[in-house]
Amino acid sequence: MTAAMRFAMPFSVLLMLTPTASGIEPRGVLGERAEMRATPVTLDATDPARRQVGALTWLGGVALTSSDPAFGGFSAMRVIGDRFTLLSDGGNIVEFRMGADLRPHDLRFADLPGPGTGAIKRHRDSESLAWDPVTGRAWVGFENRNAIWRYDAGLARAERRIQPAAMADWSIAGGAEAMVRLRDGQFIVFSETARPKGQPAARIVLRFAGDPTETRLAPAAFAYVPPAGYDPTDAAELPDGRLLVLNRRLSLPGLFTARLCVIDVRGIPDGGSVRCAELASFERPLLHDNFEALAVTREGADTIVWIASDDNGEFWEQSLLLKFRLDAGQAKSPPPAKGTG
């Protein structure tokens, strides 16, 4: 294949073509001794002074490494104050505290109780994480089973679980890739690969009126149209009620690239659609990797955007944790669509 013959496909599908990433391999579990190193990284190796990428201002970043062979694979993230929780796609939990110096401390490893025996990776394919800042409860979306589980604040005890009928026909590699609990209590769940009928460029998004593990109401569904060739991997609510959506692409020769979008899901009717409004693009010469985790925090009047990557256990990928400020004046989005698109 020549460099001009670029291809793109859902990354989860491509991974299934390799025996080490099919989900049937033994699941690596982090050891009791928590050890991690954080090495500073540069946004643009060709221009170390560069600080701007689209509507984001670079505030710093680190590459996380550990001697523990199960370390990495981060697919979801929770940031509350200076407390970070990274959740891998194998049910491993890495928790630490980190201040403005980007030096982690008070490190802890843990194992997420979840579906199956946990003997193989497919049993704990945890891809998304949402939480209630009042109660501390957390919800995790599992691929392969197309399930949502609710946990206590420490992610140590499972409380409830459900396999929503609306997710039953999603592929085993296209489940709840991104999930957000909105401040009003609604839940927004993105499929990585499932398409609405007649809309091959869009992805199915479900809107639950409340806790998916408790509500008896069927979720509404609408369509999200990501950048061409990209799939949604995570989402987070902004202070103004809109959503940031992280999108990823695997192609040759560029390998992993990512695009960050903003959308407004308020007022979208059942069956409606919303398109990505791009804020930033991550490709050469900028840092770019398998970006799968997204979080939004506040520092004074500033909106802070955190992005983390899943290294897939590969030597040529990294576990990156990057910090940006969102420049509000540039973060514009089109009005939501009012019908099907």
C-alpha atoms as a PDB file:
ATOM      1  CA  MET A   1       0.000   0.000   0.000  1.00  0.00           C
ATOM      2  CA  THR A   2       1.432   3.405  -0.950  1.00  0.00           C
ATOM      3  CA  ALA A   3       1.400   6.440   1.311  1.00  0.00           C
ATOM      4  CA  ALA A   4      -1.281   7.943  -0.871  1.00  0.00           C
ATOM      5  CA  MET A   5      -3.547   4.951  -0.352  1.00  0.00           C
ATOM      6  CA  ARG A   6      -4.754   5.996   3.055  1.00  0.00           C
ATOM      7  CA  PHE A   7      -7.297   3.894   4.912  1.00  0.00           C
ATOM      8  CA  ALA A   8      -9.449   4.497   7.922  1.00  0.00           C
ATOM      9  CA  MET A   9     -11.650   2.145   9.913  1.00  0.00           C
ATOM     10  CA  PRO A  10     -12.966   1.958  13.467  1.00  0.00           C
ATOM     11  CA  PHE A  11      -9.900   1.326  15.584  1.00  0.00           C
ATOM     12  CA  SER A  12     -11.651  -1.298  17.676  1.00  0.00           C
ATOM     13  CA  VAL A  13     -12.364  -3.288  14.505  1.00  0.00           C
ATOM     14  CA  LEU A  14      -8.761  -3.033  13.341  1.00  0.00           C
ATOM     15  CA  LEU A  15      -7.502  -4.214  16.709  1.00  0.00           C
ATOM     16  CA  MET A  16      -9.646  -7.330  16.489  1.00  0.00           C
ATOM     17  CA  LEU A  17      -7.521  -8.407  13.544  1.00  0.00           C
ATOM     18  CA  THR A  18      -4.571  -8.893  15.909  1.00  0.00           C
ATOM     19  CA  PRO A  19      -4.503 -11.811  18.385  1.00  0.00           C
ATOM     20  CA  THR A  20      -3.070  -9.744  21.246  1.00  0.00           C
ATOM     21  CA  ALA A  21      -5.898  -7.209  21.201  1.00  0.00           C
ATOM     22  CA  SER A  22      -8.903  -9.425  20.531  1.00  0.00           C
ATOM     23  CA  GLY A  23     -10.009  -9.425  24.152  1.00  0.00           C
ATOM     24  CA  ILE A  24      -9.496 -13.179  24.581  1.00  0.00           C
ATOM     25  CA  GLU A  25      -5.982 -12.811  25.975  1.00  0.00           C
ATOM     26  CA  PRO A  26      -5.493 -13.114  29.756  1.00  0.00           C
ATOM     27  CA  ARG A  27      -6.339  -9.881  31.579  1.00  0.00           C
ATOM     28  CA  GLY A  28      -3.382  -8.127  33.121  1.00  0.00           C
ATOM     29  CA  VAL A  29      -4.042  -6.923  36.678  1.00  0.00           C
ATOM     30  CA  LEU A  30      -1.996  -4.225  38.385  1.00  0.00           C
ATOM     31  CA  GLY A  31       0.106  -5.383  41.311  1.00  0.00           C
ATOM     32  CA  GLU A  32      -0.145  -4.294  44.925  1.00  0.00           C
ATOM     33  CA  ARG A  33       2.974  -2.116  44.704  1.00  0.00           C
ATOM     34  CA  ALA A  34       1.930   1.109  43.000  1.00  0.00           C
ATOM     35  CA  GLU A  35       4.768   2.646  40.985  1.00  0.00           C
ATOM     36  CA  MET A  36       4.572   5.261  38.230  1.00  0.00           C
ATOM     37  CA  ARG A  37       6.841   7.808  36.587  1.00  0.00           C
ATOM     38  CA  ALA A  38       5.766  11.048  34.900  1.00  0.00           C
ATOM     39  CA  THR A  39       8.090  12.436  32.227  1.00  0.00           C
ATOM     40  CA  PRO A  40       7.369  15.915  30.803  1.00  0.00           C
ATOM     41  CA  VAL A  41       6.513  16.048  27.086  1.00  0.00           C
ATOM     42  CA  THR A  42       6.486  18.858  24.509  1.00  0.00           C
ATOM     43  CA  LEU A  43       3.429  19.730  22.437  1.00  0.00           C
ATOM     44  CA  ASP A  44       5.440  20.239  19.245  1.00  0.00           C
ATOM     45  CA  ALA A  45       8.921  18.722  19.090  1.00  0.00           C
ATOM     46  CA  THR A  46       9.754  20.893  16.058  1.00  0.00           C
ATOM     47  CA  ASP A  47       8.768  24.067  17.924  1.00  0.00           C
ATOM     48  CA  PRO A  48       9.162  23.694  21.719  1.00  0.00           C
ATOM     49  CA  ALA A  49       7.798  27.216  22.263  1.00  0.00           C
ATOM     50  CA  ARG A  50       4.445  26.419  20.621  1.00  0.00           C
ATOM     51  CA  ARG A  51       1.492  26.730  22.968  1.00  0.00           C
ATOM     52  CA  GLN A  52      -1.546  27.021  20.726  1.00  0.00           C
ATOM     53  CA  VAL A  53      -3.555  24.287  19.008  1.00  0.00           C
ATOM     54  CA  GLY A  54      -6.879  25.538  17.711  1.00  0.00           C
ATOM     55  CA  ALA A  55      -8.963  26.822  20.613  1.00  0.00           C
ATOM     56  CA  LEU A  56      -6.655  25.214  23.183  1.00  0.00           C
ATOM     57  CA  THR A  57      -3.638  26.674  24.974  1.00  0.00           C
ATOM     58  CA  TRP A  58      -0.981  24.187  26.054  1.00  0.00           C
ATOM     59  CA  LEU A  59      -0.353  24.100  29.799  1.00  0.00           C
ATOM     60  CA  GLY A  60       1.860  21.021  29.927  1.00  0.00           C
ATOM     61  CA  GLY A  61       1.793  17.265  29.813  1.00  0.00           C
ATOM     62  CA  VAL A  62       3.495  14.072  30.912  1.00  0.00           C
ATOM     63  CA  ALA A  63       4.087  10.558  29.627  1.00  0.00           C
ATOM     64  CA  LEU A  64       3.161   8.043  32.330  1.00  0.00           C
ATOM     65  CA  THR A  65       5.145   4.817  32.638  1.00  0.00           C
ATOM     66  CA  SER A  66       5.488   2.006  35.148  1.00  0.00           C
ATOM     67  CA  SER A  67       7.458  -1.195  35.578  1.00  0.00           C
ATOM     68  CA  ASP A  68       4.141  -2.983  36.156  1.00  0.00           C
ATOM     69  CA  PRO A  69       3.346  -4.887  32.913  1.00  0.00           C
ATOM     70  CA  ALA A  70      -0.401  -4.279  33.335  1.00  0.00           C
ATOM     71  CA  PHE A  71       0.008  -0.488  33.420  1.00  0.00           C
ATOM     72  CA  GLY A  72      -1.608   1.570  30.634  1.00  0.00           C
ATOM     73  CA  GLY A  73      -4.565   1.169  28.314  1.00  0.00           C
ATOM     74  CA  PHE A  74      -6.365   4.204  29.751  1.00  0.00           C
ATOM     75  CA  SER A  75      -9.796   4.701  28.183  1.00  0.00           C
ATOM     76  CA  ALA A  76     -11.593   6.929  30.677  1.00  0.00           C
ATOM     77  CA  MET A  77     -10.700   9.522  33.271  1.00  0.00           C
ATOM     78  CA  ARG A  78     -12.166  11.335  36.271  1.00  0.00           C
ATOM     79  CA  VAL A  79     -10.611  14.530  37.636  1.00  0.00           C
ATOM     80  CA  ILE A  80     -11.957  16.103  40.828  1.00  0.00           C
ATOM     81  CA  GLY A  81      -9.799  18.934  42.126  1.00  0.00           C
ATOM     82  CA  ASP A  82      -6.286  17.516  42.249  1.00  0.00           C
ATOM     83  CA  ARG A  83      -7.483  13.895  42.389  1.00  0.00           C
ATOM     84  CA  PHE A  84      -7.133  11.852  39.200  1.00  0.00           C
ATOM     85  CA  THR A  85      -8.653   8.477  38.368  1.00  0.00           C
ATOM     86  CA  LEU A  86      -7.518   6.722  35.190  1.00  0.00           C
ATOM     87  CA  LEU A  87      -9.538   3.661  34.154  1.00  0.00           C
ATOM     88  CA  SER A  88      -8.068   1.187  31.677  1.00  0.00           C
ATOM     89  CA  ASP A  89      -9.936  -0.895  29.123  1.00  0.00           C
ATOM     90  CA  GLY A  90      -9.080  -3.919  31.256  1.00  0.00           C
ATOM     91  CA  GLY A  91     -10.649  -2.692  34.481  1.00  0.00           C
ATOM     92  CA  ASN A  92      -7.434  -1.430  36.065  1.00  0.00           C
ATOM     93  CA  ILE A  93      -7.625   1.734  38.171  1.00  0.00           C
ATOM     94  CA  VAL A  94      -4.783   4.189  38.705  1.00  0.00           C
ATOM     95  CA  GLU A  95      -5.456   6.952  41.245  1.00  0.00           C
ATOM     96  CA  PHE A  96      -3.177   9.794  42.286  1.00  0.00           C
ATOM     97  CA  ARG A  97      -3.070  13.441  43.252  1.00  0.00           C
ATOM     98  CA  MET A  98      -1.358  16.011  41.062  1.00  0.00           C
ATOM     99  CA  GLY A  99      -0.936  19.761  41.307  1.00  0.00           C
ATOM    100  CA  ALA A 100       0.226  22.454  38.930  1.00  0.00           C
ATOM    101  CA  ASP A 101       3.725  20.954  38.839  1.00  0.00           C
ATOM    102  CA  LEU A 102       2.297  17.845  37.083  1.00  0.00           C
ATOM    103  CA  ARG A 103       4.089  15.578  39.550  1.00  0.00           C
ATOM    104  CA  PRO A 104       1.845  12.717  40.720  1.00  0.00           C
ATOM    105  CA  HIS A 105       1.824  11.613  44.359  1.00  0.00           C
ATOM    106  CA  ASP A 106      -0.340   9.504  46.695  1.00  0.00           C
ATOM    107  CA  LEU A 107      -0.468   6.833  43.991  1.00  0.00           C
ATOM    108  CA  ARG A 108      -2.815   3.854  44.300  1.00  0.00           C
ATOM    109  CA  PHE A 109      -3.563   0.868  42.042  1.00  0.00           C
ATOM    110  CA  ALA A 110      -6.877  -0.985  42.193  1.00  0.00           C
ATOM    111  CA  ASP A 111      -8.993  -3.478  40.248  1.00  0.00           C
ATOM    112  CA  LEU A 112     -12.538  -2.668  39.130  1.00  0.00           C
ATOM    113  CA  PRO A 113     -15.074  -5.382  40.019  1.00  0.00           C
ATOM    114  CA  GLY A 114     -17.117  -6.062  36.954  1.00  0.00           C
ATOM    115  CA  PRO A 115     -18.672  -8.522  34.558  1.00  0.00           C
ATOM    116  CA  GLY A 116     -17.499 -12.104  34.248  1.00  0.00           C
ATOM    117  CA  THR A 117     -14.662 -13.713  36.133  1.00  0.00           C
ATOM    118  CA  GLY A 118     -12.145 -11.112  35.007  1.00  0.00           C
ATOM    119  CA  ALA A 119      -9.824 -13.837  33.758  1.00  0.00           C
ATOM    120  CA  ILE A 120      -9.734 -12.473  30.218  1.00  0.00           C
ATOM    121  CA  LYS A 121      -9.621  -8.889  29.004  1.00  0.00           C
ATOM    122  CA  ARG A 122     -13.001  -9.075  27.316  1.00  0.00           C
ATOM    123  CA  HIS A 123     -14.685  -9.497  30.698  1.00  0.00           C
ATOM    124  CA  ARG A 124     -13.625  -6.021  31.889  1.00  0.00           C
ATOM    125  CA  ASP A 125     -13.553  -3.943  28.701  1.00  0.00           C
ATOM    126  CA  SER A 126     -14.359  -0.712  30.548  1.00  0.00           C
ATOM    127  CA  GLU A 127     -14.458   2.171  28.057  1.00  0.00           C
ATOM    128  CA  SER A 128     -16.354   5.056  29.660  1.00  0.00           C
ATOM    129  CA  LEU A 129     -16.805   6.639  33.073  1.00  0.00           C
ATOM    130  CA  ALA A 130     -19.356   9.104  34.440  1.00  0.00           C
ATOM    131  CA  TRP A 131     -20.005  10.263  37.988  1.00  0.00           C
ATOM    132  CA  ASP A 132     -22.286  12.256  40.273  1.00  0.00           C
ATOM    133  CA  PRO A 133     -20.290  14.974  42.073  1.00  0.00           C
ATOM    134  CA  VAL A 134     -22.873  15.089  44.883  1.00  0.00           C
ATOM    135  CA  THR A 135     -23.118  11.399  45.822  1.00  0.00           C
ATOM    136  CA  GLY A 136     -19.772  10.335  44.366  1.00  0.00           C
ATOM    137  CA  ARG A 137     -21.395   7.403  42.606  1.00  0.00           C
ATOM    138  CA  ALA A 138     -19.828   6.351  39.310  1.00  0.00           C
ATOM    139  CA  TRP A 139     -21.086   4.618  36.178  1.00  0.00           C
ATOM    140  CA  VAL A 140     -18.908   2.559  33.833  1.00  0.00           C
ATOM    141  CA  GLY A 141     -19.733   1.557  30.271  1.00  0.00           C
ATOM    142  CA  PHE A 142     -18.531  -1.902  29.189  1.00  0.00           C
ATOM    143  CA  GLU A 143     -18.009  -2.941  25.604  1.00  0.00           C
ATOM    144  CA  ASN A 144     -18.492  -6.584  24.579  1.00  0.00           C
ATOM    145  CA  ARG A 145     -21.484  -6.762  26.946  1.00  0.00           C
ATOM    146  CA  ASN A 146     -23.021  -3.393  25.960  1.00  0.00           C
ATOM    147  CA  ALA A 147     -23.668  -2.825  29.638  1.00  0.00           C
ATOM    148  CA  ILE A 148     -23.631   0.026  32.152  1.00  0.00           C
ATOM    149  CA  TRP A 149     -22.696  -0.651  35.775  1.00  0.00           C
ATOM    150  CA  ARG A 150     -23.081   1.679  38.745  1.00  0.00           C
ATOM    151  CA  TYR A 151     -20.445   1.778  41.489  1.00  0.00           C
ATOM    152  CA  ASP A 152     -19.837   3.416  44.821  1.00  0.00           C
ATOM    153  CA  ALA A 153     -17.616   6.504  44.943  1.00  0.00           C
ATOM    154  CA  GLY A 154     -14.450   4.453  45.379  1.00  0.00           C
ATOM    155  CA  LEU A 155     -15.172   2.172  42.396  1.00  0.00           C
ATOM    156  CA  ALA A 156     -14.815  -0.702  44.850  1.00  0.00           C
ATOM    157  CA  ARG A 157     -18.379  -2.036  44.978  1.00  0.00           C
ATOM    158  CA  ALA A 158     -20.884  -2.581  42.166  1.00  0.00           C
ATOM    159  CA  GLU A 159     -24.400  -1.407  43.092  1.00  0.00           C
ATOM    160  CA  ARG A 160     -26.549  -1.900  40.001  1.00  0.00           C
ATOM    161  CA  ARG A 161     -26.180  -2.938  36.371  1.00  0.00           C
ATOM    162  CA  ILE A 162     -28.144  -2.977  33.139  1.00  0.00           C
ATOM    163  CA  GLN A 163     -27.807  -4.052  29.521  1.00  0.00           C
ATOM    164  CA  PRO A 164     -30.112  -1.490  27.868  1.00  0.00           C
ATOM    165  CA  ALA A 165     -32.313  -2.844  25.088  1.00  0.00           C
ATOM    166  CA  ALA A 166     -31.378   0.205  22.989  1.00  0.00           C
ATOM    167  CA  MET A 167     -27.736  -0.983  23.041  1.00  0.00           C
ATOM    168  CA  ALA A 168     -28.433  -4.663  22.424  1.00  0.00           C
ATOM    169  CA  ASP A 169     -27.554  -4.635  18.724  1.00  0.00           C
ATOM    170  CA  TRP A 170     -24.429  -2.501  19.057  1.00  0.00           C
ATOM    171  CA  SER A 171     -21.338  -4.444  18.004  1.00  0.00           C
ATOM    172  CA  ILE A 172     -19.144  -5.927  20.733  1.00  0.00           C
ATOM    173  CA  ALA A 173     -16.462  -3.401  19.785  1.00  0.00           C
ATOM    174  CA  GLY A 174     -18.765  -0.396  19.490  1.00  0.00           C
ATOM    175  CA  GLY A 175     -20.460  -0.131  22.851  1.00  0.00           C
ATOM    176  CA  ALA A 176     -20.664   2.736  25.332  1.00  0.00           C
ATOM    177  CA  GLU A 177     -17.379   4.329  24.251  1.00  0.00           C
ATOM    178  CA  ALA A 178     -18.262   7.712  25.799  1.00  0.00           C
ATOM    179  CA  MET A 179     -20.701   8.505  28.607  1.00  0.00           C
ATOM    180  CA  VAL A 180     -21.489  11.767  30.393  1.00  0.00           C
ATOM    181  CA  ARG A 181     -23.729  12.489  33.352  1.00  0.00           C
ATOM    182  CA  LEU A 182     -25.040  16.004  32.783  1.00  0.00           C
ATOM    183  CA  ARG A 183     -25.508  18.364  35.695  1.00  0.00           C
ATOM    184  CA  ASP A 184     -29.290  18.043  35.340  1.00  0.00           C
ATOM    185  CA  GLY A 185     -29.052  14.265  35.871  1.00  0.00           C
ATOM    186  CA  GLN A 186     -29.438  13.151  32.265  1.00  0.00           C
ATOM    187  CA  PHE A 187     -26.966  10.643  30.795  1.00  0.00           C
ATOM    188  CA  ILE A 188     -25.563  10.891  27.271  1.00  0.00           C
ATOM    189  CA  VAL A 189     -24.056   7.673  25.858  1.00  0.00           C
ATOM    190  CA  PHE A 190     -22.152   7.531  22.553  1.00  0.00           C
ATOM    191  CA  SER A 191     -21.599   4.404  20.481  1.00  0.00           C
ATOM    192  CA  GLU A 192     -18.221   4.272  18.794  1.00  0.00           C
ATOM    193  CA  THR A 193     -19.463   2.487  15.682  1.00  0.00           C
ATOM    194  CA  ALA A 194     -23.278   2.004  15.646  1.00  0.00           C
ATOM    195  CA  ARG A 195     -24.913   4.064  12.882  1.00  0.00           C
ATOM    196  CA  PRO A 196     -28.476   5.379  12.739  1.00  0.00           C
ATOM    197  CA  LYS A 197     -30.410   3.856   9.865  1.00  0.00           C
ATOM    198  CA  GLY A 198     -29.721   5.744   6.652  1.00  0.00           C
ATOM    199  CA  GLN A 199     -26.938   7.875   8.202  1.00  0.00           C
ATOM    200  CA  PRO A 200     -23.618   6.087   7.559  1.00  0.00           C
ATOM    201  CA  ALA A 201     -21.567   9.120   8.588  1.00  0.00           C
ATOM    202  CA  ALA A 202     -23.243   9.439  12.011  1.00  0.00           C
ATOM    203  CA  ARG A 203     -23.090   7.558  15.314  1.00  0.00           C
ATOM    204  CA  ILE A 204     -25.969   6.655  17.606  1.00  0.00           C
ATOM    205  CA  VAL A 205     -26.197   8.637  20.841  1.00  0.00           C
ATOM    206  CA  LEU A 206     -28.645   7.759  23.623  1.00  0.00           C
ATOM    207  CA  ARG A 207     -30.122  10.204  26.112  1.00  0.00           C
ATOM    208  CA  PHE A 208     -31.308   8.661  29.395  1.00  0.00           C
ATOM    209  CA  ALA A 209     -33.604  10.819  31.532  1.00  0.00           C
ATOM    210  CA  GLY A 210     -31.806   9.648  34.677  1.00  0.00           C
ATOM    211  CA  ASP A 211     -29.624   6.879  36.050  1.00  0.00           C
ATOM    212  CA  PRO A 212     -29.597   4.237  33.269  1.00  0.00           C
ATOM    213  CA  THR A 213     -29.495   1.449  35.850  1.00  0.00           C
ATOM    214  CA  GLU A 214     -32.724   2.657  37.483  1.00  0.00           C
ATOM    215  CA  THR A 215     -34.888   4.479  34.952  1.00  0.00           C
ATOM    216  CA  ARG A 216     -37.697   2.481  33.348  1.00  0.00           C
ATOM    217  CA  LEU A 217     -38.054   4.931  30.488  1.00  0.00           C
ATOM    218  CA  ALA A 218     -36.540   3.982  27.143  1.00  0.00           C
ATOM    219  CA  PRO A 219     -33.800   6.441  26.154  1.00  0.00           C
ATOM    220  CA  ALA A 220     -34.246   8.920  23.343  1.00  0.00           C
ATOM    221  CA  ALA A 221     -31.791   8.593  20.465  1.00  0.00           C
ATOM    222  CA  PHE A 222     -30.145  11.141  18.226  1.00  0.00           C
ATOM    223  CA  ALA A 223     -27.260  11.179  15.770  1.00  0.00           C
ATOM    224  CA  TYR A 224     -23.787  12.623  16.223  1.00  0.00           C
ATOM    225  CA  VAL A 225     -21.817  13.362  13.053  1.00  0.00           C
ATOM    226  CA  PRO A 226     -18.069  13.281  13.841  1.00  0.00           C
ATOM    227  CA  PRO A 227     -15.318  14.520  11.527  1.00  0.00           C
ATOM    228  CA  ALA A 228     -15.083  12.312   8.436  1.00  0.00           C
ATOM    229  CA  GLY A 229     -13.162   9.141   9.190  1.00  0.00           C
ATOM    230  CA  TYR A 230     -13.181   9.684  12.958  1.00  0.00           C
ATOM    231  CA  ASP A 231     -14.970   7.898  15.807  1.00  0.00           C
ATOM    232  CA  PRO A 232     -15.989   9.379  19.184  1.00  0.00           C
ATOM    233  CA  THR A 233     -13.944   8.103  22.131  1.00  0.00           C
ATOM    234  CA  ASP A 234     -14.973  10.298  25.074  1.00  0.00           C
ATOM    235  CA  ALA A 235     -17.038  13.343  26.016  1.00  0.00           C
ATOM    236  CA  ALA A 236     -17.300  15.842  28.867  1.00  0.00           C
ATOM    237  CA  GLU A 237     -19.716  18.618  29.814  1.00  0.00           C
ATOM    238  CA  LEU A 238     -18.536  22.221  29.659  1.00  0.00           C
ATOM    239  CA  PRO A 239     -19.556  24.806  32.277  1.00  0.00           C
ATOM    240  CA  ASP A 240     -22.031  26.336  29.787  1.00  0.00           C
ATOM    241  CA  GLY A 241     -23.841  23.019  29.226  1.00  0.00           C
ATOM    242  CA  ARG A 242     -22.358  22.107  25.857  1.00  0.00           C
ATOM    243  CA  LEU A 243     -20.292  18.954  25.364  1.00  0.00           C
ATOM    244  CA  LEU A 244     -16.716  18.470  24.302  1.00  0.00           C
ATOM    245  CA  VAL A 245     -16.288  15.312  22.211  1.00  0.00           C
ATOM    246  CA  LEU A 246     -12.936  13.643  21.602  1.00  0.00           C
ATOM    247  CA  ASN A 247     -12.636  11.839  18.275  1.00  0.00           C
ATOM    248  CA  ARG A 248      -9.938   9.451  17.065  1.00  0.00           C
ATOM    249  CA  ARG A 249      -8.764   8.073  13.748  1.00  0.00           C
ATOM    250  CA  LEU A 250      -6.272   5.363  12.805  1.00  0.00           C
ATOM    251  CA  SER A 251      -4.968   5.585   9.262  1.00  0.00           C
ATOM    252  CA  LEU A 252      -1.837   5.189   7.191  1.00  0.00           C
ATOM    253  CA  PRO A 253       0.581   6.883   7.067  1.00  0.00           C
ATOM    254  CA  GLY A 254      -0.428   9.146   9.962  1.00  0.00           C
ATOM    255  CA  LEU A 255      -1.390   6.382  12.437  1.00  0.00           C
ATOM    256  CA  PHE A 256      -3.357   7.966  15.293  1.00  0.00           C
ATOM    257  CA  THR A 257      -4.767  11.455  14.948  1.00  0.00           C
ATOM    258  CA  ALA A 258      -7.468  13.143  17.010  1.00  0.00           C
ATOM    259  CA  ARG A 259      -9.923  16.001  16.770  1.00  0.00           C
ATOM    260  CA  LEU A 260     -11.692  17.761  19.615  1.00  0.00           C
ATOM    261  CA  CYS A 261     -15.189  19.085  18.929  1.00  0.00           C
ATOM    262  CA  VAL A 262     -17.905  20.994  20.715  1.00  0.00           C
ATOM    263  CA  ILE A 263     -21.605  20.211  20.305  1.00  0.00           C
ATOM    264  CA  ASP A 264     -24.825  21.432  21.881  1.00  0.00           C
ATOM    265  CA  VAL A 265     -27.185  18.561  22.683  1.00  0.00           C
ATOM    266  CA  ARG A 266     -29.793  20.704  24.412  1.00  0.00           C
ATOM    267  CA  GLY A 267     -33.068  20.693  22.566  1.00  0.00           C
ATOM    268  CA  ILE A 268     -32.167  17.938  20.112  1.00  0.00           C
ATOM    269  CA  PRO A 269     -35.348  15.897  19.551  1.00  0.00           C
ATOM    270  CA  ASP A 270     -35.561  12.128  19.399  1.00  0.00           C
ATOM    271  CA  GLY A 271     -34.275  11.266  15.930  1.00  0.00           C
ATOM    272  CA  GLY A 272     -32.473  14.596  15.485  1.00  0.00           C
ATOM    273  CA  SER A 273     -28.798  15.106  14.770  1.00  0.00           C
ATOM    274  CA  VAL A 274     -25.878  17.328  15.663  1.00  0.00           C
ATOM    275  CA  ARG A 275     -22.598  17.888  13.840  1.00  0.00           C
ATOM    276  CA  CYS A 276     -19.104  18.258  15.211  1.00  0.00           C
ATOM    277  CA  ALA A 277     -17.743  21.801  15.377  1.00  0.00           C
ATOM    278  CA  GLU A 278     -13.979  21.327  15.468  1.00  0.00           C
ATOM    279  CA  LEU A 279     -11.892  23.105  18.115  1.00  0.00           C
ATOM    280  CA  ALA A 280      -8.484  21.438  17.767  1.00  0.00           C
ATOM    281  CA  SER A 281      -6.702  18.839  15.657  1.00  0.00           C
ATOM    282  CA  PHE A 282      -3.847  16.637  16.878  1.00  0.00           C
ATOM    283  CA  GLU A 283      -1.561  15.366  14.139  1.00  0.00           C
ATOM    284  CA  ARG A 284       2.062  15.769  13.120  1.00  0.00           C
ATOM    285  CA  PRO A 285       4.075  17.670  14.193  1.00  0.00           C
ATOM    286  CA  LEU A 286       1.937  17.904  17.343  1.00  0.00           C
ATOM    287  CA  LEU A 287       1.646  15.172  19.936  1.00  0.00           C
ATOM    288  CA  HIS A 288      -0.796  12.602  18.634  1.00  0.00           C
ATOM    289  CA  ASP A 289      -1.640   9.167  19.948  1.00  0.00           C
ATOM    290  CA  ASN A 290      -4.613   6.942  20.697  1.00  0.00           C
ATOM    291  CA  PHE A 291      -6.500   9.655  22.626  1.00  0.00           C
ATOM    292  CA  GLU A 292      -9.417   8.027  24.452  1.00  0.00           C
ATOM    293  CA  ALA A 293     -10.000   9.866  27.736  1.00  0.00           C
ATOM    294  CA  LEU A 294     -11.298  13.398  28.325  1.00  0.00           C
ATOM    295  CA  ALA A 295     -12.085  15.485  31.400  1.00  0.00           C
ATOM    296  CA  VAL A 296     -13.036  19.118  32.057  1.00  0.00           C
ATOM    297  CA  THR A 297     -12.198  21.011  35.243  1.00  0.00           C
ATOM    298  CA  ARG A 298     -12.063  24.642  36.395  1.00  0.00           C
ATOM    299  CA  GLU A 299      -9.154  26.684  37.709  1.00  0.00           C
ATOM    300  CA  GLY A 300     -10.562  30.053  38.730  1.00  0.00           C
ATOM    301  CA  ALA A 301     -12.233  31.486  35.635  1.00  0.00           C
ATOM    302  CA  ASP A 302     -10.372  29.105  33.304  1.00  0.00           C
ATOM    303  CA  THR A 303     -11.834  25.966  31.764  1.00  0.00           C
ATOM    304  CA  ILE A 304      -9.220  23.218  31.798  1.00  0.00           C
ATOM    305  CA  VAL A 305      -9.253  20.306  29.355  1.00  0.00           C
ATOM    306  CA  TRP A 306      -7.437  17.064  30.181  1.00  0.00           C
ATOM    307  CA  ILE A 307      -6.723  14.438  27.512  1.00  0.00           C
ATOM    308  CA  ALA A 308      -5.235  10.976  28.106  1.00  0.00           C
ATOM    309  CA  SER A 309      -4.218   8.210  25.708  1.00  0.00           C
ATOM    310  CA  ASP A 310      -4.524   4.430  25.590  1.00  0.00           C
ATOM    311  CA  ASP A 311      -1.187   2.805  24.716  1.00  0.00           C
ATOM    312  CA  ASN A 312      -2.770  -0.583  23.909  1.00  0.00           C
ATOM    313  CA  GLY A 313       0.238  -2.204  25.535  1.00  0.00           C
ATOM    314  CA  GLU A 314       2.294  -1.361  22.447  1.00  0.00           C
ATOM    315  CA  PHE A 315       5.876  -0.071  22.580  1.00  0.00           C
ATOM    316  CA  TRP A 316       5.170   2.507  19.882  1.00  0.00           C
ATOM    317  CA  GLU A 317       2.309   4.144  21.791  1.00  0.00           C
ATOM    318  CA  GLN A 318       2.331   6.166  24.995  1.00  0.00           C
ATOM    319  CA  SER A 319       0.187   6.780  28.061  1.00  0.00           C
ATOM    320  CA  LEU A 320      -0.015  10.550  27.766  1.00  0.00           C
ATOM    321  CA  LEU A 321      -1.775  12.949  30.148  1.00  0.00           C
ATOM    322  CA  LEU A 322      -2.085  16.419  28.632  1.00  0.00           C
ATOM    323  CA  LYS A 323      -3.402  19.694  30.059  1.00  0.00           C
ATOM    324  CA  PHE A 324      -4.893  22.614  28.094  1.00  0.00           C
ATOM    325  CA  ARG A 325      -6.890  25.786  28.701  1.00  0.00           C
ATOM    326  CA  LEU A 326      -9.966  26.211  26.536  1.00  0.00           C
ATOM    327  CA  ASP A 327     -10.051  29.674  24.999  1.00  0.00           C
ATOM    328  CA  ALA A 328     -13.729  30.467  25.422  1.00  0.00           C
ATOM    329  CA  GLY A 329     -13.827  33.132  22.728  1.00  0.00           C
ATOM    330  CA  GLN A 330     -12.924  30.568  20.087  1.00  0.00           C
ATOM    331  CA  ALA A 331     -15.099  27.719  21.351  1.00  0.00           C
ATOM    332  CA  LYS A 332     -18.118  28.313  19.182  1.00  0.00           C
ATOM    333  CA  SER A 333     -20.637  25.710  18.106  1.00  0.00           C
ATOM    334  CA  PRO A 334     -23.515  25.730  15.626  1.00  0.00           C
ATOM    335  CA  PRO A 335     -27.077  25.488  16.935  1.00  0.00           C
ATOM    336  CA  PRO A 336     -28.354  21.924  17.380  1.00  0.00           C
ATOM    337  CA  ALA A 337     -30.259  20.388  14.511  1.00  0.00           C
ATOM    338  CA  LYS A 338     -33.996  20.159  14.968  1.00  0.00           C
ATOM    339  CA  GLY A 339     -34.659  17.146  12.780  1.00  0.00           C
ATOM    340  CA  THR A 340     -32.932  14.194  11.231  1.00  0.00           C
ATOM    341  CA  GLY A 341     -29.761  14.803   9.331  1.00  0.00           C
END
